Amino acid sequence: MPPEPPLVLFDGVCNLCNASVYFLIRRDRTGALRYASLQSDLGRARLAALGLPPEYTDSIVFIENGRAFTRSAAALRLLPYLRWPWPLLGVLRLVPTALRDAAYDFIARYRYRWFGRQDECPLPRPEWRARFLD
């Protein structure tokens, strides 16, 4: 059985999160990444399998080779999938996790206020639909 493609779970009603997903899609070198909103049935099922509460929307969740990454670790794990020069930001791994996550949490705390939110997850563009699993 082939391995599951890497999966990005994101807050589907967050404008910043949706913009981030579109950023990833446009720069994904091989089209390897798949996406689902945290609020979808699939997203909630994956969260439960990972031991996270079904209403979890505090962070992006990146699932790769059966392992889950959240917060800054998730963002950094996505970089190798992107076209050059984005993988160069991997140097941020040298910053202590506590500092990276504090910056991540600060942005996450204010993302709705700064970037807004929608009542429901928007539909992806037709040419990207196959990359969304929910």
N, C-alpha and C. Protein backbone atom coordinates (compact mmCIF):
# COMPACT_ATOMS: atom_id res chain seq x y z
N MET A 1 0.84 -1.17 0.00
CA MET A 1 0.00 0.00 0.00
C MET A 1 0.89 1.25 0.00
N PRO A 2 0.66 2.20 -0.90
CA PRO A 2 1.51 3.39 -0.95
C PRO A 2 1.31 4.25 0.29
N PRO A 3 2.35 4.97 0.71
CA PRO A 3 2.20 5.84 1.88
C PRO A 3 1.22 6.98 1.59
N GLU A 4 0.59 7.44 2.65
CA GLU A 4 -0.34 8.57 2.50
C GLU A 4 0.45 9.83 2.18
N PRO A 5 -0.10 10.69 1.33
CA PRO A 5 0.60 11.96 1.06
C PRO A 5 0.62 12.83 2.31
N PRO A 6 1.59 13.71 2.41
CA PRO A 6 1.62 14.63 3.55
C PRO A 6 0.35 15.47 3.57
N LEU A 7 -0.19 15.68 4.77
CA LEU A 7 -1.48 16.35 4.92
C LEU A 7 -1.34 17.60 5.78
N VAL A 8 -1.89 18.69 5.31
CA VAL A 8 -1.92 19.96 6.04
C VAL A 8 -3.36 20.17 6.51
N LEU A 9 -3.54 20.20 7.83
CA LEU A 9 -4.84 20.53 8.42
C LEU A 9 -4.80 21.99 8.84
N PHE A 10 -5.77 22.76 8.43
CA PHE A 10 -5.75 24.21 8.67
C PHE A 10 -7.12 24.69 9.12
N ASP A 11 -7.15 25.85 9.77
CA ASP A 11 -8.39 26.47 10.21
C ASP A 11 -9.10 27.03 8.98
N GLY A 12 -10.16 26.38 8.57
CA GLY A 12 -10.83 26.71 7.33
C GLY A 12 -11.59 28.02 7.32
N VAL A 13 -11.84 28.62 8.47
CA VAL A 13 -12.57 29.89 8.50
C VAL A 13 -11.63 31.08 8.70
N CYS A 14 -10.37 30.83 8.90
CA CYS A 14 -9.37 31.88 9.14
C CYS A 14 -8.82 32.39 7.80
N ASN A 15 -8.94 33.69 7.57
CA ASN A 15 -8.43 34.26 6.32
C ASN A 15 -6.93 34.09 6.17
N LEU A 16 -6.17 34.26 7.25
CA LEU A 16 -4.72 34.06 7.20
C LEU A 16 -4.40 32.62 6.86
N CYS A 17 -5.10 31.69 7.46
CA CYS A 17 -4.85 30.27 7.22
C CYS A 17 -5.16 29.89 5.78
N ASN A 18 -6.28 30.39 5.25
CA ASN A 18 -6.62 30.12 3.86
C ASN A 18 -5.59 30.71 2.91
N ALA A 19 -5.15 31.93 3.19
CA ALA A 19 -4.11 32.55 2.36
C ALA A 19 -2.81 31.74 2.43
N SER A 20 -2.51 31.20 3.59
CA SER A 20 -1.30 30.38 3.75
C SER A 20 -1.40 29.11 2.92
N VAL A 21 -2.57 28.49 2.90
CA VAL A 21 -2.76 27.28 2.09
C VAL A 21 -2.58 27.61 0.61
N TYR A 22 -3.15 28.71 0.15
CA TYR A 22 -2.99 29.09 -1.25
C TYR A 22 -1.53 29.39 -1.57
N PHE A 23 -0.82 29.99 -0.61
CA PHE A 23 0.61 30.22 -0.76
C PHE A 23 1.35 28.89 -0.96
N LEU A 24 1.02 27.91 -0.13
CA LEU A 24 1.66 26.59 -0.23
C LEU A 24 1.35 25.92 -1.57
N ILE A 25 0.10 25.95 -1.97
CA ILE A 25 -0.30 25.30 -3.22
C ILE A 25 0.48 25.87 -4.40
N ARG A 26 0.61 27.17 -4.44
CA ARG A 26 1.30 27.81 -5.57
C ARG A 26 2.79 27.51 -5.61
N ARG A 27 3.36 27.13 -4.47
CA ARG A 27 4.81 26.93 -4.40
C ARG A 27 5.23 25.48 -4.18
N ASP A 28 4.27 24.59 -4.04
CA ASP A 28 4.55 23.16 -3.83
C ASP A 28 5.25 22.63 -5.09
N ARG A 29 6.50 22.21 -4.95
CA ARG A 29 7.32 21.78 -6.09
C ARG A 29 6.70 20.64 -6.89
N THR A 30 6.17 19.65 -6.20
CA THR A 30 5.72 18.44 -6.87
C THR A 30 4.22 18.18 -6.74
N GLY A 31 3.51 19.06 -6.06
CA GLY A 31 2.09 18.83 -5.83
C GLY A 31 1.84 17.72 -4.83
N ALA A 32 2.79 17.49 -3.93
CA ALA A 32 2.71 16.37 -2.99
C ALA A 32 1.76 16.63 -1.83
N LEU A 33 1.59 17.87 -1.45
CA LEU A 33 0.82 18.18 -0.25
C LEU A 33 -0.68 18.07 -0.50
N ARG A 34 -1.39 17.57 0.51
CA ARG A 34 -2.84 17.52 0.49
C ARG A 34 -3.35 18.36 1.65
N TYR A 35 -4.60 18.78 1.57
CA TYR A 35 -5.14 19.75 2.52
C TYR A 35 -6.53 19.32 2.98
N ALA A 36 -6.85 19.68 4.23
CA ALA A 36 -8.19 19.50 4.77
C ALA A 36 -8.35 20.52 5.90
N SER A 37 -9.55 21.03 6.05
CA SER A 37 -9.77 21.97 7.15
C SER A 37 -9.90 21.20 8.46
N LEU A 38 -9.50 21.85 9.53
CA LEU A 38 -9.62 21.25 10.85
C LEU A 38 -11.09 21.01 11.20
N GLN A 39 -11.99 21.81 10.63
CA GLN A 39 -13.41 21.70 10.94
C GLN A 39 -14.13 20.61 10.15
N SER A 40 -13.48 20.05 9.15
CA SER A 40 -14.12 19.01 8.32
C SER A 40 -14.20 17.69 9.08
N ASP A 41 -15.01 16.77 8.57
CA ASP A 41 -15.11 15.45 9.18
C ASP A 41 -13.75 14.76 9.17
N LEU A 42 -13.05 14.85 8.06
CA LEU A 42 -11.71 14.25 7.97
C LEU A 42 -10.76 14.90 8.96
N GLY A 43 -10.79 16.24 9.02
CA GLY A 43 -9.92 16.95 9.95
C GLY A 43 -10.18 16.54 11.40
N ARG A 44 -11.44 16.49 11.77
CA ARG A 44 -11.80 16.09 13.14
C ARG A 44 -11.39 14.65 13.43
N ALA A 45 -11.55 13.78 12.45
CA ALA A 45 -11.14 12.39 12.64
C ALA A 45 -9.63 12.28 12.83
N ARG A 46 -8.88 13.02 12.03
CA ARG A 46 -7.42 13.00 12.18
C ARG A 46 -7.00 13.58 13.52
N LEU A 47 -7.67 14.66 13.96
CA LEU A 47 -7.35 15.23 15.26
C LEU A 47 -7.59 14.21 16.37
N ALA A 48 -8.73 13.51 16.30
CA ALA A 48 -9.03 12.50 17.31
C ALA A 48 -7.97 11.39 17.31
N ALA A 49 -7.56 10.97 16.12
CA ALA A 49 -6.54 9.92 16.02
C ALA A 49 -5.21 10.39 16.60
N LEU A 50 -4.98 11.69 16.59
CA LEU A 50 -3.74 12.26 17.13
C LEU A 50 -3.85 12.60 18.61
N GLY A 51 -5.05 12.41 19.18
CA GLY A 51 -5.25 12.72 20.59
C GLY A 51 -5.51 14.20 20.86
N LEU A 52 -5.87 14.94 19.81
CA LEU A 52 -6.18 16.36 19.96
C LEU A 52 -7.70 16.54 20.01
N PRO A 53 -8.19 17.56 20.72
CA PRO A 53 -9.64 17.76 20.78
C PRO A 53 -10.21 18.11 19.41
N PRO A 54 -11.45 17.68 19.12
CA PRO A 54 -12.03 17.92 17.79
C PRO A 54 -12.23 19.39 17.46
N GLU A 55 -12.28 20.27 18.46
CA GLU A 55 -12.45 21.69 18.21
C GLU A 55 -11.11 22.43 18.12
N TYR A 56 -10.02 21.69 18.04
CA TYR A 56 -8.68 22.27 17.99
C TYR A 56 -8.50 23.10 16.72
N THR A 57 -8.22 24.38 16.88
CA THR A 57 -7.93 25.26 15.75
C THR A 57 -6.78 26.20 16.08
N ASP A 58 -6.03 25.90 17.13
CA ASP A 58 -4.96 26.79 17.59
C ASP A 58 -3.73 26.78 16.71
N SER A 59 -3.61 25.81 15.84
CA SER A 59 -2.39 25.67 15.04
C SER A 59 -2.67 24.89 13.78
N ILE A 60 -1.84 25.13 12.80
CA ILE A 60 -1.79 24.25 11.64
C ILE A 60 -1.29 22.89 12.15
N VAL A 61 -1.76 21.82 11.56
CA VAL A 61 -1.28 20.49 11.90
C VAL A 61 -0.76 19.87 10.60
N PHE A 62 0.47 19.45 10.62
CA PHE A 62 1.08 18.84 9.44
C PHE A 62 1.36 17.38 9.76
N ILE A 63 0.79 16.48 8.97
CA ILE A 63 0.96 15.05 9.18
C ILE A 63 1.81 14.50 8.04
N GLU A 64 2.94 13.93 8.42
CA GLU A 64 3.91 13.41 7.45
C GLU A 64 4.43 12.07 7.96
N ASN A 65 4.32 11.04 7.14
CA ASN A 65 4.80 9.71 7.52
C ASN A 65 4.24 9.26 8.86
N GLY A 66 2.95 9.55 9.10
CA GLY A 66 2.29 9.12 10.33
C GLY A 66 2.61 9.94 11.56
N ARG A 67 3.42 10.97 11.42
CA ARG A 67 3.78 11.84 12.55
C ARG A 67 3.11 13.19 12.38
N ALA A 68 2.67 13.76 13.50
CA ALA A 68 2.00 15.06 13.47
C ALA A 68 2.92 16.14 14.04
N PHE A 69 2.88 17.29 13.39
CA PHE A 69 3.66 18.45 13.82
C PHE A 69 2.70 19.63 13.93
N THR A 70 2.90 20.47 14.92
CA THR A 70 2.06 21.65 15.10
C THR A 70 2.94 22.88 15.26
N ARG A 71 2.28 24.03 15.20
CA ARG A 71 2.90 25.33 15.42
C ARG A 71 4.12 25.53 14.52
N SER A 72 5.20 26.06 15.06
CA SER A 72 6.35 26.39 14.21
C SER A 72 6.99 25.15 13.61
N ALA A 73 6.94 24.02 14.30
CA ALA A 73 7.51 22.79 13.75
C ALA A 73 6.78 22.38 12.47
N ALA A 74 5.46 22.56 12.45
CA ALA A 74 4.69 22.24 11.25
C ALA A 74 5.10 23.14 10.09
N ALA A 75 5.21 24.43 10.37
CA ALA A 75 5.59 25.38 9.32
C ALA A 75 6.97 25.04 8.76
N LEU A 76 7.90 24.72 9.62
CA LEU A 76 9.26 24.40 9.16
C LEU A 76 9.31 23.08 8.39
N ARG A 77 8.49 22.11 8.77
CA ARG A 77 8.45 20.82 8.06
C ARG A 77 7.88 20.96 6.65
N LEU A 78 7.13 22.01 6.40
CA LEU A 78 6.55 22.24 5.08
C LEU A 78 7.57 22.81 4.09
N LEU A 79 8.58 23.48 4.58
CA LEU A 79 9.53 24.20 3.71
C LEU A 79 10.19 23.34 2.63
N PRO A 80 10.63 22.11 2.92
CA PRO A 80 11.27 21.31 1.86
C PRO A 80 10.37 20.99 0.67
N TYR A 81 9.07 21.11 0.84
CA TYR A 81 8.13 20.83 -0.25
C TYR A 81 8.01 22.01 -1.21
N LEU A 82 8.52 23.15 -0.81
CA LEU A 82 8.34 24.37 -1.60
C LEU A 82 9.51 24.63 -2.53
N ARG A 83 9.20 25.40 -3.59
CA ARG A 83 10.24 25.81 -4.54
C ARG A 83 11.23 26.75 -3.87
N TRP A 84 12.42 26.78 -4.45
CA TRP A 84 13.46 27.69 -4.00
C TRP A 84 12.96 29.12 -4.13
N PRO A 85 13.21 30.01 -3.24
CA PRO A 85 14.16 30.00 -2.13
C PRO A 85 13.56 29.65 -0.78
N TRP A 86 12.28 29.28 -0.72
CA TRP A 86 11.60 29.07 0.55
C TRP A 86 12.26 28.05 1.46
N PRO A 87 12.83 26.96 0.96
CA PRO A 87 13.49 26.02 1.88
C PRO A 87 14.64 26.64 2.67
N LEU A 88 15.17 27.75 2.19
CA LEU A 88 16.25 28.41 2.93
C LEU A 88 15.80 28.89 4.31
N LEU A 89 14.50 29.10 4.47
CA LEU A 89 14.00 29.52 5.78
C LEU A 89 14.14 28.42 6.83
N GLY A 90 14.55 27.24 6.41
CA GLY A 90 14.81 26.15 7.35
C GLY A 90 15.86 26.52 8.38
N VAL A 91 16.65 27.53 8.09
CA VAL A 91 17.64 28.01 9.06
C VAL A 91 16.96 28.45 10.36
N LEU A 92 15.68 28.74 10.31
CA LEU A 92 14.94 29.12 11.52
C LEU A 92 14.87 27.98 12.53
N ARG A 93 15.22 26.78 12.13
CA ARG A 93 15.30 25.66 13.08
C ARG A 93 16.35 25.94 14.17
N LEU A 94 17.28 26.83 13.85
CA LEU A 94 18.32 27.19 14.82
C LEU A 94 17.77 28.04 15.97
N VAL A 95 16.64 28.67 15.74
CA VAL A 95 15.98 29.46 16.79
C VAL A 95 15.34 28.47 17.77
N PRO A 96 15.52 28.67 19.06
CA PRO A 96 14.91 27.75 20.02
C PRO A 96 13.39 27.61 19.81
N THR A 97 12.91 26.40 19.96
CA THR A 97 11.50 26.11 19.74
C THR A 97 10.60 27.01 20.58
N ALA A 98 10.97 27.27 21.81
CA ALA A 98 10.13 28.10 22.67
C ALA A 98 9.93 29.50 22.08
N LEU A 99 10.98 30.06 21.51
CA LEU A 99 10.86 31.38 20.89
C LEU A 99 10.03 31.32 19.61
N ARG A 100 10.29 30.31 18.78
CA ARG A 100 9.52 30.16 17.53
C ARG A 100 8.04 30.00 17.85
N ASP A 101 7.73 29.14 18.82
CA ASP A 101 6.34 28.88 19.15
C ASP A 101 5.67 30.09 19.81
N ALA A 102 6.43 30.87 20.57
CA ALA A 102 5.87 32.08 21.16
C ALA A 102 5.45 33.06 20.06
N ALA A 103 6.29 33.22 19.04
CA ALA A 103 5.94 34.09 17.91
C ALA A 103 4.73 33.52 17.17
N TYR A 104 4.71 32.20 16.93
CA TYR A 104 3.59 31.55 16.26
C TYR A 104 2.30 31.79 17.06
N ASP A 105 2.36 31.56 18.37
CA ASP A 105 1.17 31.71 19.21
C ASP A 105 0.66 33.14 19.24
N PHE A 106 1.56 34.11 19.21
CA PHE A 106 1.16 35.51 19.21
C PHE A 106 0.35 35.83 17.95
N ILE A 107 0.85 35.40 16.81
CA ILE A 107 0.13 35.63 15.55
C ILE A 107 -1.20 34.87 15.56
N ALA A 108 -1.17 33.62 16.02
CA ALA A 108 -2.38 32.80 16.05
C ALA A 108 -3.45 33.43 16.95
N ARG A 109 -3.02 34.02 18.05
CA ARG A 109 -3.97 34.61 19.00
C ARG A 109 -4.74 35.78 18.37
N TYR A 110 -4.09 36.53 17.50
CA TYR A 110 -4.70 37.73 16.93
C TYR A 110 -5.09 37.59 15.45
N ARG A 111 -4.99 36.40 14.90
CA ARG A 111 -5.20 36.23 13.46
C ARG A 111 -6.59 36.64 13.01
N TYR A 112 -7.62 36.35 13.78
CA TYR A 112 -8.98 36.75 13.38
C TYR A 112 -9.12 38.27 13.42
N ARG A 113 -8.56 38.90 14.42
CA ARG A 113 -8.66 40.35 14.56
C ARG A 113 -7.91 41.04 13.43
N TRP A 114 -6.73 40.55 13.09
CA TRP A 114 -5.89 41.20 12.08
C TRP A 114 -6.30 40.86 10.65
N PHE A 115 -6.68 39.61 10.42
CA PHE A 115 -6.93 39.15 9.05
C PHE A 115 -8.39 38.80 8.78
N GLY A 116 -9.19 38.67 9.82
CA GLY A 116 -10.60 38.36 9.67
C GLY A 116 -10.87 36.87 9.59
N ARG A 117 -12.15 36.58 9.54
CA ARG A 117 -12.59 35.19 9.45
C ARG A 117 -13.85 35.13 8.61
N GLN A 118 -14.16 33.93 8.15
CA GLN A 118 -15.35 33.71 7.35
C GLN A 118 -16.32 32.82 8.12
N ASP A 119 -17.56 32.80 7.71
CA ASP A 119 -18.54 31.96 8.39
C ASP A 119 -18.33 30.49 8.11
N GLU A 120 -17.76 30.20 6.96
CA GLU A 120 -17.49 28.80 6.60
C GLU A 120 -16.26 28.74 5.71
N CYS A 121 -15.73 27.56 5.58
CA CYS A 121 -14.53 27.35 4.77
C CYS A 121 -14.85 27.58 3.29
N PRO A 122 -14.09 28.44 2.60
CA PRO A 122 -14.37 28.67 1.18
C PRO A 122 -13.99 27.46 0.33
N LEU A 123 -14.64 27.33 -0.80
CA LEU A 123 -14.31 26.26 -1.72
C LEU A 123 -13.01 26.60 -2.46
N PRO A 124 -12.16 25.60 -2.66
CA PRO A 124 -10.92 25.87 -3.41
C PRO A 124 -11.21 26.06 -4.89
N ARG A 125 -10.25 26.65 -5.57
CA ARG A 125 -10.36 26.81 -7.01
C ARG A 125 -10.53 25.42 -7.65
N PRO A 126 -11.25 25.34 -8.75
CA PRO A 126 -11.46 24.03 -9.39
C PRO A 126 -10.16 23.29 -9.72
N GLU A 127 -9.14 24.02 -10.15
CA GLU A 127 -7.88 23.37 -10.51
C GLU A 127 -7.12 22.84 -9.29
N TRP A 128 -7.51 23.25 -8.09
CA TRP A 128 -6.86 22.78 -6.87
C TRP A 128 -7.72 21.75 -6.11
N ARG A 129 -8.93 21.54 -6.57
CA ARG A 129 -9.89 20.71 -5.81
C ARG A 129 -9.36 19.32 -5.48
N ALA A 130 -8.63 18.71 -6.36
CA ALA A 130 -8.15 17.35 -6.13
C ALA A 130 -7.14 17.27 -4.98
N ARG A 131 -6.58 18.39 -4.59
CA ARG A 131 -5.59 18.41 -3.52
C ARG A 131 -6.23 18.56 -2.14
N PHE A 132 -7.55 18.78 -2.13
CA PHE A 132 -8.29 18.91 -0.87
C PHE A 132 -9.02 17.62 -0.60
N LEU A 133 -8.89 17.10 0.61
CA LEU A 133 -9.45 15.79 0.93
C LEU A 133 -10.80 15.87 1.62
N ASP A 134 -11.28 17.07 1.92
CA ASP A 134 -12.59 17.15 2.59
C ASP A 134 -13.63 17.78 1.70
